[in-house]
Amino acid sequence: MTDQQQTEDLDQVWEVRRRWVGIVAFLFGAGVVLGFFGFWPGLPHVVDWGAVLVAVLVGAVARWAAQGWVNRLARRRAP
């Protein structure tokens, strides 16, 4: 393998890892918010459209933060 092929393979590995971490972070963030609205004492135990919208927004922010973290790791480990 040449250096260019190794670099392309490494870039592809980091891209897959970045995508995977983003999906997991989104699902975790959205799940936590839906769980909060669904089970927190004192709140009505009905998940309405507002709760779904907030869960999607929190999931998107979690995804953005996690992908930024993976990008920083990739830059540090790049030769």
Protein backbone atom coordinates (compact mmCIF):
# COMPACT_ATOMS: atom_id res chain seq x y z
CA MET A 1 0.00 0.00 0.00
CA THR A 2 1.14 3.48 -0.69
CA ASP A 3 0.97 6.32 1.79
CA GLN A 4 -1.95 7.84 -0.10
CA GLN A 5 -3.98 4.62 0.13
CA GLN A 6 -3.24 4.33 3.85
CA THR A 7 -4.35 7.92 4.39
CA GLU A 8 -7.56 7.36 2.44
CA ASP A 9 -8.28 4.18 4.41
CA LEU A 10 -7.67 6.00 7.69
CA ASP A 11 -9.94 8.85 6.60
CA GLN A 12 -12.65 6.35 5.74
CA VAL A 13 -12.29 4.65 9.14
CA TRP A 14 -12.66 7.99 10.93
CA GLU A 15 -15.67 8.90 8.79
CA VAL A 16 -17.42 5.63 9.70
CA ARG A 17 -16.56 6.13 13.37
CA ARG A 18 -17.82 9.74 13.23
CA ARG A 19 -21.12 8.63 11.68
CA TRP A 20 -21.55 5.80 14.22
CA VAL A 21 -20.84 8.07 17.19
CA GLY A 22 -23.26 10.66 15.81
CA ILE A 23 -26.09 8.13 15.51
CA VAL A 24 -25.52 6.78 19.02
CA ALA A 25 -25.34 10.28 20.51
CA PHE A 26 -28.54 11.35 18.78
CA LEU A 27 -30.45 8.29 19.98
CA PHE A 28 -29.10 8.64 23.51
CA GLY A 29 -29.95 12.36 23.73
CA ALA A 30 -33.43 11.91 22.32
CA GLY A 31 -34.07 8.89 24.54
CA VAL A 32 -33.00 10.71 27.69
CA VAL A 33 -35.30 13.64 26.94
CA LEU A 34 -38.26 11.41 26.08
CA GLY A 35 -37.62 9.42 29.26
CA PHE A 36 -37.50 12.63 31.26
CA PHE A 37 -40.80 13.88 29.87
CA GLY A 38 -42.41 10.47 30.15
CA PHE A 39 -41.37 9.45 33.66
CA TRP A 40 -40.30 12.48 35.72
CA PRO A 41 -42.55 12.85 38.79
CA GLY A 42 -44.80 15.86 38.70
CA LEU A 43 -44.97 16.12 34.93
CA PRO A 44 -47.97 14.82 33.04
CA HIS A 45 -47.03 11.39 31.74
CA VAL A 46 -47.96 12.18 28.19
CA VAL A 47 -45.36 12.64 25.49
CA ASP A 48 -46.79 15.33 23.23
CA TRP A 49 -45.38 16.97 20.09
CA GLY A 50 -43.50 19.54 22.15
CA ALA A 51 -41.62 16.79 23.97
CA VAL A 52 -40.84 15.08 20.68
CA LEU A 53 -39.55 18.34 19.19
CA VAL A 54 -37.35 19.04 22.22
CA ALA A 55 -36.04 15.45 22.09
CA VAL A 56 -35.10 15.83 18.42
CA LEU A 57 -33.37 19.15 19.11
CA VAL A 58 -31.43 17.75 22.09
CA GLY A 59 -30.50 14.70 20.01
CA ALA A 60 -29.23 16.96 17.23
CA VAL A 61 -27.11 18.97 19.67
CA ALA A 62 -25.73 15.76 21.18
CA ARG A 63 -24.88 14.50 17.69
CA TRP A 64 -23.15 17.76 16.80
CA ALA A 65 -21.10 17.70 20.02
CA ALA A 66 -20.12 14.04 19.64
CA GLN A 67 -19.05 14.47 16.03
CA GLY A 68 -16.98 17.50 17.00
CA TRP A 69 -15.29 15.42 19.66
CA VAL A 70 -14.48 12.67 17.14
CA ASN A 71 -13.14 15.26 14.68
CA ARG A 72 -10.79 16.64 17.34
CA LEU A 73 -9.55 13.13 18.10
CA ALA A 74 -8.95 12.46 14.40
CA ARG A 75 -6.95 15.67 14.00
CA ARG A 76 -4.79 14.85 17.03
CA ARG A 77 -4.01 11.37 15.77
CA ALA A 78 -3.34 12.41 12.18
CA PRO A 79 0.32 12.24 11.20
